[in-house]
Amino acid sequence: MTELIEKIGFIAAISVPLFNIPLIIRIIQRKSSDDISLTWVLGVWICFILMLPSGLISDDIVWRAFNIANITFFTVVVIVTLRYRFVKKGTVPFSQETESNHHDG
């Protein structure tokens, strides 16, 4: 019974962060993250970063899996949120563009 509970927990630990995917897709499709609070996104992300060491050293496979999956997917949320927050202002964080690309000369 304990093994079954651990397997269910492991599947759930990996599945929960997958629910970030619809948010990421929605931001990209709308090309905007204006409706998402930067305080919330960065606050949650910082908490996940602070929890990560505990997950990495834990013997609990469920806690470890959750931390790794969660930091991976939520980091993508943070990057996409910041990228699309600044698109309208003309400064795009994490962009490959250089200033020379913006001139018509």
PDB file of N, CA and C in Angstrom:
ATOM      1  N   MET A   1       0.823  -1.200   0.000  1.00  0.00           N
ATOM      2  CA  MET A   1       0.000   0.000   0.000  1.00  0.00           C
ATOM      3  C   MET A   1       0.872   1.270   0.000  1.00  0.00           C
ATOM      4  N   THR A   2       1.949   1.255   0.757  1.00  0.00           N
ATOM      5  CA  THR A   2       2.848   2.402   0.829  1.00  0.00           C
ATOM      6  C   THR A   2       3.474   2.690  -0.538  1.00  0.00           C
ATOM      7  N   GLU A   3       3.815   1.621  -1.247  1.00  0.00           N
ATOM      8  CA  GLU A   3       4.418   1.784  -2.571  1.00  0.00           C
ATOM      9  C   GLU A   3       3.429   2.427  -3.546  1.00  0.00           C
ATOM     10  N   LEU A   4       2.165   2.041  -3.479  1.00  0.00           N
ATOM     11  CA  LEU A   4       1.128   2.620  -4.339  1.00  0.00           C
ATOM     12  C   LEU A   4       0.940   4.107  -4.027  1.00  0.00           C
ATOM     13  N   ILE A   5       0.919   4.438  -2.757  1.00  0.00           N
ATOM     14  CA  ILE A   5       0.770   5.839  -2.343  1.00  0.00           C
ATOM     15  C   ILE A   5       1.943   6.660  -2.851  1.00  0.00           C
ATOM     16  N   GLU A   6       3.150   6.100  -2.774  1.00  0.00           N
ATOM     17  CA  GLU A   6       4.331   6.813  -3.261  1.00  0.00           C
ATOM     18  C   GLU A   6       4.279   7.011  -4.774  1.00  0.00           C
ATOM     19  N   LYS A   7       3.823   6.002  -5.509  1.00  0.00           N
ATOM     20  CA  LYS A   7       3.703   6.126  -6.965  1.00  0.00           C
ATOM     21  C   LYS A   7       2.676   7.187  -7.347  1.00  0.00           C
ATOM     22  N   ILE A   8       1.546   7.199  -6.664  1.00  0.00           N
ATOM     23  CA  ILE A   8       0.517   8.214  -6.932  1.00  0.00           C
ATOM     24  C   ILE A   8       1.073   9.605  -6.623  1.00  0.00           C
ATOM     25  N   GLY A   9       1.764   9.738  -5.509  1.00  0.00           N
ATOM     26  CA  GLY A   9       2.370  11.018  -5.140  1.00  0.00           C
ATOM     27  C   GLY A   9       3.394  11.478  -6.157  1.00  0.00           C
ATOM     28  N   PHE A  10       4.195  10.546  -6.652  1.00  0.00           N
ATOM     29  CA  PHE A  10       5.217  10.864  -7.652  1.00  0.00           C
ATOM     30  C   PHE A  10       4.570  11.367  -8.947  1.00  0.00           C
ATOM     31  N   ILE A  11       3.541  10.679  -9.403  1.00  0.00           N
ATOM     32  CA  ILE A  11       2.827  11.096 -10.624  1.00  0.00           C
ATOM     33  C   ILE A  11       2.207  12.474 -10.427  1.00  0.00           C
ATOM     34  N   ALA A  12       1.614  12.696  -9.268  1.00  0.00           N
ATOM     35  CA  ALA A  12       1.013  14.009  -8.983  1.00  0.00           C
ATOM     36  C   ALA A  12       2.078  15.095  -8.908  1.00  0.00           C
ATOM     37  N   ALA A  13       3.226  14.780  -8.307  1.00  0.00           N
ATOM     38  CA  ALA A  13       4.308  15.762  -8.170  1.00  0.00           C
ATOM     39  C   ALA A  13       4.813  16.225  -9.527  1.00  0.00           C
ATOM     40  N   ILE A  14       4.843  15.321 -10.484  1.00  0.00           N
ATOM     41  CA  ILE A  14       5.286  15.682 -11.827  1.00  0.00           C
ATOM     42  C   ILE A  14       4.160  16.344 -12.616  1.00  0.00           C
ATOM     43  N   SER A  15       2.921  15.961 -12.330  1.00  0.00           N
ATOM     44  CA  SER A  15       1.773  16.479 -13.074  1.00  0.00           C
ATOM     45  C   SER A  15       1.399  17.908 -12.699  1.00  0.00           C
ATOM     46  N   VAL A  16       1.480  18.259 -11.437  1.00  0.00           N
ATOM     47  CA  VAL A  16       1.055  19.598 -10.997  1.00  0.00           C
ATOM     48  C   VAL A  16       1.759  20.710 -11.785  1.00  0.00           C
ATOM     49  N   PRO A  17       3.084  20.688 -11.942  1.00  0.00           N
ATOM     50  CA  PRO A  17       3.736  21.754 -12.696  1.00  0.00           C
ATOM     51  C   PRO A  17       3.331  21.811 -14.173  1.00  0.00           C
ATOM     52  N   LEU A  18       2.809  20.713 -14.710  1.00  0.00           N
ATOM     53  CA  LEU A  18       2.374  20.715 -16.117  1.00  0.00           C
ATOM     54  C   LEU A  18       1.201  21.664 -16.341  1.00  0.00           C
ATOM     55  N   PHE A  19       0.493  22.016 -15.274  1.00  0.00           N
ATOM     56  CA  PHE A  19      -0.617  22.952 -15.400  1.00  0.00           C
ATOM     57  C   PHE A  19      -0.145  24.380 -15.674  1.00  0.00           C
ATOM     58  N   ASN A  20       1.167  24.601 -15.658  1.00  0.00           N
ATOM     59  CA  ASN A  20       1.725  25.888 -16.085  1.00  0.00           C
ATOM     60  C   ASN A  20       1.715  26.025 -17.609  1.00  0.00           C
ATOM     61  N   ILE A  21       1.667  24.915 -18.321  1.00  0.00           N
ATOM     62  CA  ILE A  21       1.738  24.944 -19.785  1.00  0.00           C
ATOM     63  C   ILE A  21       0.604  25.767 -20.411  1.00  0.00           C
ATOM     64  N   PRO A  22      -0.667  25.602 -19.987  1.00  0.00           N
ATOM     65  CA  PRO A  22      -1.721  26.441 -20.576  1.00  0.00           C
ATOM     66  C   PRO A  22      -1.492  27.940 -20.351  1.00  0.00           C
ATOM     67  N   LEU A  23      -0.948  28.303 -19.195  1.00  0.00           N
ATOM     68  CA  LEU A  23      -0.635  29.707 -18.924  1.00  0.00           C
ATOM     69  C   LEU A  23       0.445  30.213 -19.870  1.00  0.00           C
ATOM     70  N   ILE A  24       1.478  29.423 -20.057  1.00  0.00           N
ATOM     71  CA  ILE A  24       2.569  29.792 -20.964  1.00  0.00           C
ATOM     72  C   ILE A  24       2.028  29.961 -22.385  1.00  0.00           C
ATOM     73  N   ILE A  25       1.229  29.014 -22.830  1.00  0.00           N
ATOM     74  CA  ILE A  25       0.661  29.076 -24.183  1.00  0.00           C
ATOM     75  C   ILE A  25      -0.232  30.296 -24.338  1.00  0.00           C
ATOM     76  N   ARG A  26      -1.053  30.587 -23.338  1.00  0.00           N
ATOM     77  CA  ARG A  26      -1.954  31.746 -23.410  1.00  0.00           C
ATOM     78  C   ARG A  26      -1.174  33.055 -23.525  1.00  0.00           C
ATOM     79  N   ILE A  27      -0.122  33.196 -22.756  1.00  0.00           N
ATOM     80  CA  ILE A  27       0.698  34.414 -22.819  1.00  0.00           C
ATOM     81  C   ILE A  27       1.314  34.558 -24.210  1.00  0.00           C
ATOM     82  N   ILE A  28       1.845  33.479 -24.735  1.00  0.00           N
ATOM     83  CA  ILE A  28       2.484  33.524 -26.055  1.00  0.00           C
ATOM     84  C   ILE A  28       1.463  33.831 -27.145  1.00  0.00           C
ATOM     85  N   GLN A  29       0.303  33.206 -27.094  1.00  0.00           N
ATOM     86  CA  GLN A  29      -0.729  33.443 -28.111  1.00  0.00           C
ATOM     87  C   GLN A  29      -1.224  34.883 -28.088  1.00  0.00           C
ATOM     88  N   ARG A  30      -1.417  35.438 -26.889  1.00  0.00           N
ATOM     89  CA  ARG A  30      -1.909  36.817 -26.774  1.00  0.00           C
ATOM     90  C   ARG A  30      -0.791  37.841 -26.890  1.00  0.00           C
ATOM     91  N   LYS A  31       0.453  37.366 -26.800  1.00  0.00           N
ATOM     92  CA  LYS A  31       1.620  38.249 -26.824  1.00  0.00           C
ATOM     93  C   LYS A  31       1.537  39.317 -25.729  1.00  0.00           C
ATOM     94  N   SER A  32       0.995  38.918 -24.587  1.00  0.00           N
ATOM     95  CA  SER A  32       0.847  39.839 -23.471  1.00  0.00           C
ATOM     96  C   SER A  32       0.784  39.062 -22.156  1.00  0.00           C
ATOM     97  N   SER A  33       1.392  39.640 -21.131  1.00  0.00           N
ATOM     98  CA  SER A  33       1.284  39.090 -19.783  1.00  0.00           C
ATOM     99  C   SER A  33       0.808  40.178 -18.820  1.00  0.00           C
ATOM    100  N   ASP A  34       0.148  41.190 -19.382  1.00  0.00           N
ATOM    101  CA  ASP A  34      -0.287  42.331 -18.570  1.00  0.00           C
ATOM    102  C   ASP A  34      -1.260  41.951 -17.451  1.00  0.00           C
ATOM    103  N   ASP A  35      -2.000  40.856 -17.627  1.00  0.00           N
ATOM    104  CA  ASP A  35      -2.973  40.467 -16.611  1.00  0.00           C
ATOM    105  C   ASP A  35      -2.368  39.600 -15.499  1.00  0.00           C
ATOM    106  N   ILE A  36      -1.074  39.386 -15.551  1.00  0.00           N
ATOM    107  CA  ILE A  36      -0.406  38.567 -14.541  1.00  0.00           C
ATOM    108  C   ILE A  36       0.461  39.474 -13.668  1.00  0.00           C
ATOM    109  N   SER A  37       0.285  39.357 -12.377  1.00  0.00           N
ATOM    110  CA  SER A  37       1.021  40.181 -11.425  1.00  0.00           C
ATOM    111  C   SER A  37       2.493  39.784 -11.386  1.00  0.00           C
ATOM    112  N   LEU A  38       3.360  40.758 -11.626  1.00  0.00           N
ATOM    113  CA  LEU A  38       4.807  40.490 -11.524  1.00  0.00           C
ATOM    114  C   LEU A  38       5.192  40.152 -10.090  1.00  0.00           C
ATOM    115  N   THR A  39       4.525  40.775  -9.124  1.00  0.00           N
ATOM    116  CA  THR A  39       4.793  40.476  -7.714  1.00  0.00           C
ATOM    117  C   THR A  39       4.489  39.011  -7.428  1.00  0.00           C
ATOM    118  N   TRP A  40       3.357  38.540  -7.943  1.00  0.00           N
ATOM    119  CA  TRP A  40       2.982  37.140  -7.742  1.00  0.00           C
ATOM    120  C   TRP A  40       3.982  36.214  -8.415  1.00  0.00           C
ATOM    121  N   VAL A  41       4.258  36.449  -9.696  1.00  0.00           N
ATOM    122  CA  VAL A  41       5.148  35.567 -10.462  1.00  0.00           C
ATOM    123  C   VAL A  41       6.532  35.500  -9.816  1.00  0.00           C
ATOM    124  N   LEU A  42       7.099  36.643  -9.525  1.00  0.00           N
ATOM    125  CA  LEU A  42       8.450  36.663  -8.955  1.00  0.00           C
ATOM    126  C   LEU A  42       8.459  36.154  -7.512  1.00  0.00           C
ATOM    127  N   GLY A  43       7.411  36.453  -6.748  1.00  0.00           N
ATOM    128  CA  GLY A  43       7.320  35.959  -5.366  1.00  0.00           C
ATOM    129  C   GLY A  43       7.243  34.445  -5.306  1.00  0.00           C
ATOM    130  N   VAL A  44       6.386  33.867  -6.133  1.00  0.00           N
ATOM    131  CA  VAL A  44       6.248  32.406  -6.181  1.00  0.00           C
ATOM    132  C   VAL A  44       7.561  31.773  -6.648  1.00  0.00           C
ATOM    133  N   TRP A  45       8.162  32.357  -7.681  1.00  0.00           N
ATOM    134  CA  TRP A  45       9.410  31.815  -8.229  1.00  0.00           C
ATOM    135  C   TRP A  45      10.537  31.839  -7.200  1.00  0.00           C
ATOM    136  N   ILE A  46      10.658  32.931  -6.462  1.00  0.00           N
ATOM    137  CA  ILE A  46      11.686  33.034  -5.418  1.00  0.00           C
ATOM    138  C   ILE A  46      11.448  31.978  -4.341  1.00  0.00           C
ATOM    139  N   CYS A  47      10.194  31.767  -3.963  1.00  0.00           N
ATOM    140  CA  CYS A  47       9.893  30.720  -2.974  1.00  0.00           C
ATOM    141  C   CYS A  47      10.278  29.342  -3.505  1.00  0.00           C
ATOM    142  N   PHE A  48       9.996  29.083  -4.785  1.00  0.00           N
ATOM    143  CA  PHE A  48      10.378  27.802  -5.382  1.00  0.00           C
ATOM    144  C   PHE A  48      11.901  27.631  -5.408  1.00  0.00           C
ATOM    145  N   ILE A  49      12.610  28.710  -5.709  1.00  0.00           N
ATOM    146  CA  ILE A  49      14.076  28.653  -5.702  1.00  0.00           C
ATOM    147  C   ILE A  49      14.588  28.349  -4.296  1.00  0.00           C
ATOM    148  N   LEU A  50      13.980  28.967  -3.291  1.00  0.00           N
ATOM    149  CA  LEU A  50      14.398  28.736  -1.908  1.00  0.00           C
ATOM    150  C   LEU A  50      14.058  27.319  -1.437  1.00  0.00           C
ATOM    151  N   MET A  51      13.005  26.708  -1.995  1.00  0.00           N
ATOM    152  CA  MET A  51      12.634  25.336  -1.641  1.00  0.00           C
ATOM    153  C   MET A  51      13.487  24.304  -2.374  1.00  0.00           C
ATOM    154  N   LEU A  52      14.053  24.678  -3.520  1.00  0.00           N
ATOM    155  CA  LEU A  52      14.775  23.727  -4.363  1.00  0.00           C
ATOM    156  C   LEU A  52      15.895  22.967  -3.637  1.00  0.00           C
ATOM    157  N   PRO A  53      16.761  23.630  -2.868  1.00  0.00           N
ATOM    158  CA  PRO A  53      17.815  22.866  -2.186  1.00  0.00           C
ATOM    159  C   PRO A  53      17.263  21.763  -1.283  1.00  0.00           C
ATOM    160  N   SER A  54      16.157  22.042  -0.602  1.00  0.00           N
ATOM    161  CA  SER A  54      15.530  21.030   0.243  1.00  0.00           C
ATOM    162  C   SER A  54      15.076  19.841  -0.585  1.00  0.00           C
ATOM    163  N   GLY A  55      14.511  20.128  -1.750  1.00  0.00           N
ATOM    164  CA  GLY A  55      14.062  19.051  -2.628  1.00  0.00           C
ATOM    165  C   GLY A  55      15.208  18.240  -3.190  1.00  0.00           C
ATOM    166  N   LEU A  56      16.287  18.911  -3.515  1.00  0.00           N
ATOM    167  CA  LEU A  56      17.423  18.215  -4.123  1.00  0.00           C
ATOM    168  C   LEU A  56      18.146  17.283  -3.156  1.00  0.00           C
ATOM    169  N   ILE A  57      18.171  17.643  -1.880  1.00  0.00           N
ATOM    170  CA  ILE A  57      18.877  16.799  -0.906  1.00  0.00           C
ATOM    171  C   ILE A  57      17.957  15.804  -0.206  1.00  0.00           C
ATOM    172  N   SER A  58      16.673  15.900  -0.452  1.00  0.00           N
ATOM    173  CA  SER A  58      15.705  15.033   0.213  1.00  0.00           C
ATOM    174  C   SER A  58      15.786  13.595  -0.297  1.00  0.00           C
ATOM    175  N   ASP A  59      15.566  12.661   0.613  1.00  0.00           N
ATOM    176  CA  ASP A  59      15.465  11.256   0.232  1.00  0.00           C
ATOM    177  C   ASP A  59      14.071  10.936  -0.307  1.00  0.00           C
ATOM    178  N   ASP A  60      13.134  11.859  -0.104  1.00  0.00           N
ATOM    179  CA  ASP A  60      11.755  11.661  -0.564  1.00  0.00           C
ATOM    180  C   ASP A  60      11.676  11.942  -2.063  1.00  0.00           C
ATOM    181  N   ILE A  61      11.467  10.906  -2.846  1.00  0.00           N
ATOM    182  CA  ILE A  61      11.444  11.019  -4.304  1.00  0.00           C
ATOM    183  C   ILE A  61      10.308  11.922  -4.789  1.00  0.00           C
ATOM    184  N   VAL A  62       9.193  11.934  -4.074  1.00  0.00           N
ATOM    185  CA  VAL A  62       8.059  12.774  -4.465  1.00  0.00           C
ATOM    186  C   VAL A  62       8.431  14.248  -4.298  1.00  0.00           C
ATOM    187  N   TRP A  63       8.997  14.608  -3.174  1.00  0.00           N
ATOM    188  CA  TRP A  63       9.401  15.995  -2.917  1.00  0.00           C
ATOM    189  C   TRP A  63      10.479  16.440  -3.905  1.00  0.00           C
ATOM    190  N   ARG A  64      11.424  15.553  -4.180  1.00  0.00           N
ATOM    191  CA  ARG A  64      12.499  15.861  -5.128  1.00  0.00           C
ATOM    192  C   ARG A  64      11.941  16.064  -6.537  1.00  0.00           C
ATOM    193  N   ALA A  65      11.077  15.169  -6.983  1.00  0.00           N
ATOM    194  CA  ALA A  65      10.478  15.264  -8.322  1.00  0.00           C
ATOM    195  C   ALA A  65       9.647  16.536  -8.456  1.00  0.00           C
ATOM    196  N   PHE A  66       8.860  16.832  -7.417  1.00  0.00           N
ATOM    197  CA  PHE A  66       8.034  18.038  -7.450  1.00  0.00           C
ATOM    198  C   PHE A  66       8.898  19.286  -7.594  1.00  0.00           C
ATOM    199  N   ASN A  67       9.948  19.384  -6.817  1.00  0.00           N
ATOM    200  CA  ASN A  67      10.808  20.559  -6.865  1.00  0.00           C
ATOM    201  C   ASN A  67      11.477  20.731  -8.225  1.00  0.00           C
ATOM    202  N   ILE A  68      11.976  19.655  -8.780  1.00  0.00           N
ATOM    203  CA  ILE A  68      12.656  19.739 -10.082  1.00  0.00           C
ATOM    204  C   ILE A  68      11.674  20.120 -11.186  1.00  0.00           C
ATOM    205  N   ALA A  69      10.529  19.442 -11.229  1.00  0.00           N
ATOM    206  CA  ALA A  69       9.528  19.751 -12.259  1.00  0.00           C
ATOM    207  C   ALA A  69       8.974  21.163 -12.074  1.00  0.00           C
ATOM    208  N   ASN A  70       8.721  21.530 -10.835  1.00  0.00           N
ATOM    209  CA  ASN A  70       8.123  22.837 -10.558  1.00  0.00           C
ATOM    210  C   ASN A  70       9.065  23.983 -10.918  1.00  0.00           C
ATOM    211  N   ILE A  71      10.318  23.888 -10.533  1.00  0.00           N
ATOM    212  CA  ILE A  71      11.253  24.973 -10.850  1.00  0.00           C
ATOM    213  C   ILE A  71      11.465  25.070 -12.349  1.00  0.00           C
ATOM    214  N   THR A  72      11.454  23.950 -13.036  1.00  0.00           N
ATOM    215  CA  THR A  72      11.632  23.952 -14.489  1.00  0.00           C
ATOM    216  C   THR A  72      10.486  24.683 -15.182  1.00  0.00           C
ATOM    217  N   PHE A  73       9.264  24.261 -14.902  1.00  0.00           N
ATOM    218  CA  PHE A  73       8.118  24.856 -15.594  1.00  0.00           C
ATOM    219  C   PHE A  73       7.841  26.277 -15.129  1.00  0.00           C
ATOM    220  N   PHE A  74       8.013  26.567 -13.837  1.00  0.00           N
ATOM    221  CA  PHE A  74       7.715  27.923 -13.387  1.00  0.00           C
ATOM    222  C   PHE A  74       8.783  28.909 -13.844  1.00  0.00           C
ATOM    223  N   THR A  75      10.003  28.454 -14.057  1.00  0.00           N
ATOM    224  CA  THR A  75      11.026  29.327 -14.630  1.00  0.00           C
ATOM    225  C   THR A  75      10.617  29.743 -16.040  1.00  0.00           C
ATOM    226  N   VAL A  76      10.031  28.830 -16.792  1.00  0.00           N
ATOM    227  CA  VAL A  76       9.520  29.176 -18.126  1.00  0.00           C
ATOM    228  C   VAL A  76       8.399  30.209 -18.001  1.00  0.00           C
ATOM    229  N   VAL A  77       7.520  30.055 -17.017  1.00  0.00           N
ATOM    230  CA  VAL A  77       6.453  31.039 -16.782  1.00  0.00           C
ATOM    231  C   VAL A  77       7.066  32.415 -16.531  1.00  0.00           C
ATOM    232  N   VAL A  78       8.084  32.477 -15.686  1.00  0.00           N
ATOM    233  CA  VAL A  78       8.731  33.754 -15.364  1.00  0.00           C
ATOM    234  C   VAL A  78       9.346  34.382 -16.612  1.00  0.00           C
ATOM    235  N   ILE A  79      10.073  33.598 -17.383  1.00  0.00           N
ATOM    236  CA  ILE A  79      10.729  34.120 -18.589  1.00  0.00           C
ATOM    237  C   ILE A  79       9.698  34.639 -19.584  1.00  0.00           C
ATOM    238  N   VAL A  80       8.660  33.850 -19.829  1.00  0.00           N
ATOM    239  CA  VAL A  80       7.631  34.252 -20.800  1.00  0.00           C
ATOM    240  C   VAL A  80       6.877  35.482 -20.289  1.00  0.00           C
ATOM    241  N   THR A  81       6.562  35.503 -19.001  1.00  0.00           N
ATOM    242  CA  THR A  81       5.854  36.655 -18.422  1.00  0.00           C
ATOM    243  C   THR A  81       6.685  37.924 -18.568  1.00  0.00           C
ATOM    244  N   LEU A  82       7.965  37.870 -18.216  1.00  0.00           N
ATOM    245  CA  LEU A  82       8.814  39.057 -18.325  1.00  0.00           C
ATOM    246  C   LEU A  82       9.020  39.468 -19.779  1.00  0.00           C
ATOM    247  N   ARG A  83       9.216  38.500 -20.633  1.00  0.00           N
ATOM    248  CA  ARG A  83       9.436  38.811 -22.053  1.00  0.00           C
ATOM    249  C   ARG A  83       8.248  39.545 -22.649  1.00  0.00           C
ATOM    250  N   TYR A  84       7.045  39.028 -22.399  1.00  0.00           N
ATOM    251  CA  TYR A  84       5.861  39.649 -22.986  1.00  0.00           C
ATOM    252  C   TYR A  84       5.378  40.870 -22.209  1.00  0.00           C
ATOM    253  N   ARG A  85       5.875  41.078 -21.016  1.00  0.00           N
ATOM    254  CA  ARG A  85       5.525  42.289 -20.273  1.00  0.00           C
ATOM    255  C   ARG A  85       6.211  43.507 -20.880  1.00  0.00           C
ATOM    256  N   PHE A  86       7.427  43.294 -21.417  1.00  0.00           N
ATOM    257  CA  PHE A  86       8.210  44.413 -21.899  1.00  0.00           C
ATOM    258  C   PHE A  86       8.189  44.563 -23.417  1.00  0.00           C
ATOM    259  N   VAL A  87       7.480  43.707 -24.138  1.00  0.00           N
ATOM    260  CA  VAL A  87       7.411  43.796 -25.597  1.00  0.00           C
ATOM    261  C   VAL A  87       6.833  45.145 -26.029  1.00  0.00           C
ATOM    262  N   LYS A  88       5.767  45.591 -25.397  1.00  0.00           N
ATOM    263  CA  LYS A  88       5.111  46.844 -25.757  1.00  0.00           C
ATOM    264  C   LYS A  88       6.004  48.053 -25.510  1.00  0.00           C
ATOM    265  N   LYS A  89       6.877  47.948 -24.532  1.00  0.00           N
ATOM    266  CA  LYS A  89       7.733  49.077 -24.182  1.00  0.00           C
ATOM    267  C   LYS A  89       8.988  49.151 -25.048  1.00  0.00           C
ATOM    268  N   GLY A  90       9.177  48.158 -25.913  1.00  0.00           N
ATOM    269  CA  GLY A  90      10.326  48.180 -26.814  1.00  0.00           C
ATOM    270  C   GLY A  90      11.592  47.598 -26.232  1.00  0.00           C
ATOM    271  N   THR A  91      11.579  47.195 -24.979  1.00  0.00           N
ATOM    272  CA  THR A  91      12.742  46.536 -24.392  1.00  0.00           C
ATOM    273  C   THR A  91      12.346  45.108 -24.082  1.00  0.00           C
ATOM    274  N   VAL A  92      12.976  44.175 -24.730  1.00  0.00           N
ATOM    275  CA  VAL A  92      12.601  42.781 -24.579  1.00  0.00           C
ATOM    276  C   VAL A  92      13.712  42.031 -23.850  1.00  0.00           C
ATOM    277  N   PRO A  93      13.484  41.684 -22.571  1.00  0.00           N
ATOM    278  CA  PRO A  93      14.483  40.886 -21.873  1.00  0.00           C
ATOM    279  C   PRO A  93      14.654  39.533 -22.559  1.00  0.00           C
ATOM    280  N   PHE A  94      15.828  38.980 -22.503  1.00  0.00           N
ATOM    281  CA  PHE A  94      16.144  37.663 -23.048  1.00  0.00           C
ATOM    282  C   PHE A  94      16.041  37.628 -24.566  1.00  0.00           C
ATOM    283  N   SER A  95      16.113  38.775 -25.222  1.00  0.00           N
ATOM    284  CA  SER A  95      15.986  38.822 -26.678  1.00  0.00           C
ATOM    285  C   SER A  95      17.353  38.732 -27.327  1.00  0.00           C
ATOM    286  N   GLN A  96      17.408  38.163 -28.526  1.00  0.00           N
ATOM    287  CA  GLN A  96      18.645  38.047 -29.289  1.00  0.00           C
ATOM    288  C   GLN A  96      18.905  39.303 -30.119  1.00  0.00           C
ATOM    289  N   GLU A  97      17.917  40.188 -30.185  1.00  0.00           N
ATOM    290  CA  GLU A  97      18.041  41.376 -31.033  1.00  0.00           C
ATOM    291  C   GLU A  97      19.095  42.329 -30.480  1.00  0.00           C
ATOM    292  N   THR A  98      19.769  43.005 -31.413  1.00  0.00           N
ATOM    293  CA  THR A  98      20.708  44.039 -31.015  1.00  0.00           C
ATOM    294  C   THR A  98      20.191  45.366 -31.537  1.00  0.00           C
ATOM    295  N   GLU A  99      20.759  46.455 -31.089  1.00  0.00           N
ATOM    296  CA  GLU A  99      20.299  47.758 -31.550  1.00  0.00           C
ATOM    297  C   GLU A  99      20.460  47.931 -33.035  1.00  0.00           C
ATOM    298  N   SER A 100      21.472  47.328 -33.629  1.00  0.00           N
ATOM    299  CA  SER A 100      21.679  47.479 -35.065  1.00  0.00           C
ATOM    300  C   SER A 100      20.546  46.877 -35.875  1.00  0.00           C
ATOM    301  N   ASN A 101      19.793  45.959 -35.286  1.00  0.00           N
ATOM    302  CA  ASN A 101      18.648  45.365 -35.962  1.00  0.00           C
ATOM    303  C   ASN A 101      17.466  46.328 -36.033  1.00  0.00           C
ATOM    304  N   HIS A 102      17.481  47.374 -35.238  1.00  0.00           N
ATOM    305  CA  HIS A 102      16.358  48.303 -35.175  1.00  0.00           C
ATOM    306  C   HIS A 102      16.502  49.478 -36.136  1.00  0.00           C
ATOM    307  N   HIS A 103      17.589  49.588 -36.832  1.00  0.00           N
ATOM    308  CA  HIS A 103      17.816  50.719 -37.737  1.00  0.00           C
ATOM    309  C   HIS A 103      17.559  50.292 -39.180  1.00  0.00           C
ATOM    310  N   ASP A 104      17.068  51.223 -39.977  1.00  0.00           N
ATOM    311  CA  ASP A 104      16.771  50.938 -41.389  1.00  0.00           C
ATOM    312  C   ASP A 104      17.947  51.230 -42.287  1.00  0.00           C
ATOM    313  N   GLY A 105      19.107  51.328 -41.833  1.00  0.00           N
ATOM    314  CA  GLY A 105      20.221  51.770 -42.643  1.00  0.00           C
ATOM    315  C   GLY A 105      21.083  50.727 -43.078  1.00  0.00           C
TER     316      GLY A 105
END
